Amino acid sequence: RAADALAALGNRTRLRLFKVLVRAGHDGVNVGGIQRILGTPATTLSHHLGALTQAGLVEQERRGREVICRANFKAVDAVLQYVKAECCTGAGLPARRGRAVG
């Protein structure tokens, strides 16, 4: 899962989109608001939201005619913990601790 999340964030548009959602906090932003902030065409935005949702980084909630998007902070924390545990341990090979996310 960590590899999917990091790969999804490797795209500039998706990274910009994700930053908007992180800054919005737990309230999230509706799709129209994201589109206005980023100036991204609806079809392009839909594609990138789909990739971030598939990677587990974004959650979407339908409220009537609106779709609210928010960052999945639990997933973000899990990815960061995985990177820290697997990639940043000591000077040699990383030690394996706990359950791997990826």
C-alpha atoms as a PDB file:
ATOM      1  CA  ARG A   1       0.000   0.000   0.000  1.00  0.00           C
ATOM      2  CA  ALA A   2       2.877   2.379   0.722  1.00  0.00           C
ATOM      3  CA  ALA A   3       4.253   1.901  -2.786  1.00  0.00           C
ATOM      4  CA  ASP A   4       0.842   2.721  -4.292  1.00  0.00           C
ATOM      5  CA  ALA A   5       0.505   5.846  -2.153  1.00  0.00           C
ATOM      6  CA  LEU A   6       3.996   7.090  -2.957  1.00  0.00           C
ATOM      7  CA  ALA A   7       3.520   6.368  -6.659  1.00  0.00           C
ATOM      8  CA  ALA A   8       0.239   8.306  -6.666  1.00  0.00           C
ATOM      9  CA  LEU A   9       1.956  11.297  -5.068  1.00  0.00           C
ATOM     10  CA  GLY A  10       4.737  11.127  -7.661  1.00  0.00           C
ATOM     11  CA  ASN A  11       2.552  13.040 -10.116  1.00  0.00           C
ATOM     12  CA  ARG A  12       2.715  16.847  -9.777  1.00  0.00           C
ATOM     13  CA  THR A  13      -0.994  17.413 -10.307  1.00  0.00           C
ATOM     14  CA  ARG A  14      -1.916  14.743  -7.775  1.00  0.00           C
ATOM     15  CA  LEU A  15       0.568  16.152  -5.279  1.00  0.00           C
ATOM     16  CA  ARG A  16      -0.945  19.646  -5.675  1.00  0.00           C
ATOM     17  CA  LEU A  17      -4.425  18.168  -5.291  1.00  0.00           C
ATOM     18  CA  PHE A  18      -3.414  16.222  -2.208  1.00  0.00           C
ATOM     19  CA  LYS A  19      -1.879  19.329  -0.617  1.00  0.00           C
ATOM     20  CA  VAL A  20      -5.193  21.157  -1.106  1.00  0.00           C
ATOM     21  CA  LEU A  21      -7.007  18.353   0.704  1.00  0.00           C
ATOM     22  CA  VAL A  22      -4.480  18.146   3.540  1.00  0.00           C
ATOM     23  CA  ARG A  23      -4.728  21.897   4.083  1.00  0.00           C
ATOM     24  CA  ALA A  24      -8.531  21.640   4.117  1.00  0.00           C
ATOM     25  CA  GLY A  25      -8.321  19.285   7.087  1.00  0.00           C
ATOM     26  CA  HIS A  26     -11.047  16.879   8.135  1.00  0.00           C
ATOM     27  CA  ASP A  27     -13.816  19.032   6.625  1.00  0.00           C
ATOM     28  CA  GLY A  28     -12.504  18.394   3.117  1.00  0.00           C
ATOM     29  CA  VAL A  29     -13.399  20.301  -0.044  1.00  0.00           C
ATOM     30  CA  ASN A  30     -16.090  19.689  -2.631  1.00  0.00           C
ATOM     31  CA  VAL A  31     -14.976  18.791  -6.145  1.00  0.00           C
ATOM     32  CA  GLY A  32     -16.041  22.174  -7.541  1.00  0.00           C
ATOM     33  CA  GLY A  33     -13.928  23.935  -4.923  1.00  0.00           C
ATOM     34  CA  ILE A  34     -10.896  21.831  -5.801  1.00  0.00           C
ATOM     35  CA  GLN A  35     -11.445  22.585  -9.470  1.00  0.00           C
ATOM     36  CA  ARG A  36     -11.544  26.333  -8.768  1.00  0.00           C
ATOM     37  CA  ILE A  37      -8.414  26.206  -6.591  1.00  0.00           C
ATOM     38  CA  LEU A  38      -6.350  24.172  -9.057  1.00  0.00           C
ATOM     39  CA  GLY A  39      -7.864  25.364 -12.325  1.00  0.00           C
ATOM     40  CA  THR A  40      -7.922  21.766 -13.514  1.00  0.00           C
ATOM     41  CA  PRO A  41     -10.499  20.523 -16.061  1.00  0.00           C
ATOM     42  CA  ALA A  42     -13.188  18.285 -14.537  1.00  0.00           C
ATOM     43  CA  THR A  43     -12.151  15.137 -16.422  1.00  0.00           C
ATOM     44  CA  THR A  44      -8.495  15.570 -15.444  1.00  0.00           C
ATOM     45  CA  LEU A  45      -9.456  16.217 -11.833  1.00  0.00           C
ATOM     46  CA  SER A  46     -11.672  13.131 -11.793  1.00  0.00           C
ATOM     47  CA  HIS A  47      -8.798  11.004 -13.103  1.00  0.00           C
ATOM     48  CA  HIS A  48      -6.392  12.243 -10.427  1.00  0.00           C
ATOM     49  CA  LEU A  49      -8.944  11.960  -7.618  1.00  0.00           C
ATOM     50  CA  GLY A  50      -9.551   8.376  -8.719  1.00  0.00           C
ATOM     51  CA  ALA A  51      -5.845   7.566  -8.537  1.00  0.00           C
ATOM     52  CA  LEU A  52      -5.504   9.086  -5.051  1.00  0.00           C
ATOM     53  CA  THR A  53      -8.657   7.308  -3.876  1.00  0.00           C
ATOM     54  CA  GLN A  54      -7.432   3.989  -5.302  1.00  0.00           C
ATOM     55  CA  ALA A  55      -4.139   4.476  -3.426  1.00  0.00           C
ATOM     56  CA  GLY A  56      -6.103   5.002  -0.204  1.00  0.00           C
ATOM     57  CA  LEU A  57      -4.981   8.607   0.288  1.00  0.00           C
ATOM     58  CA  VAL A  58      -8.332  10.280  -0.398  1.00  0.00           C
ATOM     59  CA  GLU A  59     -11.843   9.548   0.814  1.00  0.00           C
ATOM     60  CA  GLN A  60     -14.941  10.794  -0.975  1.00  0.00           C
ATOM     61  CA  GLU A  61     -18.404  11.321   0.484  1.00  0.00           C
ATOM     62  CA  ARG A  62     -21.514  12.142  -1.491  1.00  0.00           C
ATOM     63  CA  ARG A  63     -23.749  14.769   0.112  1.00  0.00           C
ATOM     64  CA  GLY A  64     -26.762  15.206  -2.108  1.00  0.00           C
ATOM     65  CA  ARG A  65     -25.408  16.552  -5.393  1.00  0.00           C
ATOM     66  CA  GLU A  66     -22.002  17.350  -3.908  1.00  0.00           C
ATOM     67  CA  VAL A  67     -18.957  15.129  -3.533  1.00  0.00           C
ATOM     68  CA  ILE A  68     -16.739  16.050  -0.590  1.00  0.00           C
ATOM     69  CA  CYS A  69     -13.130  14.929  -0.800  1.00  0.00           C
ATOM     70  CA  ARG A  70     -10.784  14.721   2.142  1.00  0.00           C
ATOM     71  CA  ALA A  71      -7.322  13.398   2.838  1.00  0.00           C
ATOM     72  CA  ASN A  72      -7.232  10.034   4.594  1.00  0.00           C
ATOM     73  CA  PHE A  73      -4.963  11.095   7.453  1.00  0.00           C
ATOM     74  CA  LYS A  74      -4.761   7.567   8.905  1.00  0.00           C
ATOM     75  CA  ALA A  75      -3.393   6.273   5.599  1.00  0.00           C
ATOM     76  CA  VAL A  76      -0.935   9.167   5.371  1.00  0.00           C
ATOM     77  CA  ASP A  77       0.298   8.425   8.882  1.00  0.00           C
ATOM     78  CA  ALA A  78       0.686   4.723   8.047  1.00  0.00           C
ATOM     79  CA  VAL A  79       2.763   5.546   4.954  1.00  0.00           C
ATOM     80  CA  LEU A  80       4.966   7.952   6.909  1.00  0.00           C
ATOM     81  CA  GLN A  81       5.468   5.387   9.676  1.00  0.00           C
ATOM     82  CA  TYR A  82       6.356   2.752   7.084  1.00  0.00           C
ATOM     83  CA  VAL A  83       8.911   5.023   5.408  1.00  0.00           C
ATOM     84  CA  LYS A  84      10.392   5.961   8.762  1.00  0.00           C
ATOM     85  CA  ALA A  85      10.636   2.353   9.948  1.00  0.00           C
ATOM     86  CA  GLU A  86      11.815   0.845   6.669  1.00  0.00           C
ATOM     87  CA  CYS A  87      13.975   3.549   5.156  1.00  0.00           C
ATOM     88  CA  CYS A  88      15.320   5.726   7.929  1.00  0.00           C
ATOM     89  CA  THR A  89      16.580   3.217  10.479  1.00  0.00           C
ATOM     90  CA  GLY A  90      20.313   3.373  11.168  1.00  0.00           C
ATOM     91  CA  ALA A  91      23.122   3.779   8.682  1.00  0.00           C
ATOM     92  CA  GLY A  92      23.022   0.237   7.303  1.00  0.00           C
ATOM     93  CA  LEU A  93      20.180  -1.830   5.965  1.00  0.00           C
ATOM     94  CA  PRO A  94      16.831  -0.809   7.426  1.00  0.00           C
ATOM     95  CA  ALA A  95      15.545  -2.928  10.283  1.00  0.00           C
ATOM     96  CA  ARG A  96      12.157  -4.544   9.790  1.00  0.00           C
ATOM     97  CA  ARG A  97       9.750  -3.506  12.515  1.00  0.00           C
ATOM     98  CA  GLY A  98       6.069  -4.165  12.938  1.00  0.00           C
ATOM     99  CA  ARG A  99       3.684  -4.882  10.134  1.00  0.00           C
ATOM    100  CA  ALA A 100       4.682  -3.606   6.701  1.00  0.00           C
ATOM    101  CA  VAL A 101       2.243  -1.248   5.020  1.00  0.00           C
ATOM    102  CA  GLY A 102       3.368  -1.884   1.451  1.00  0.00           C
END
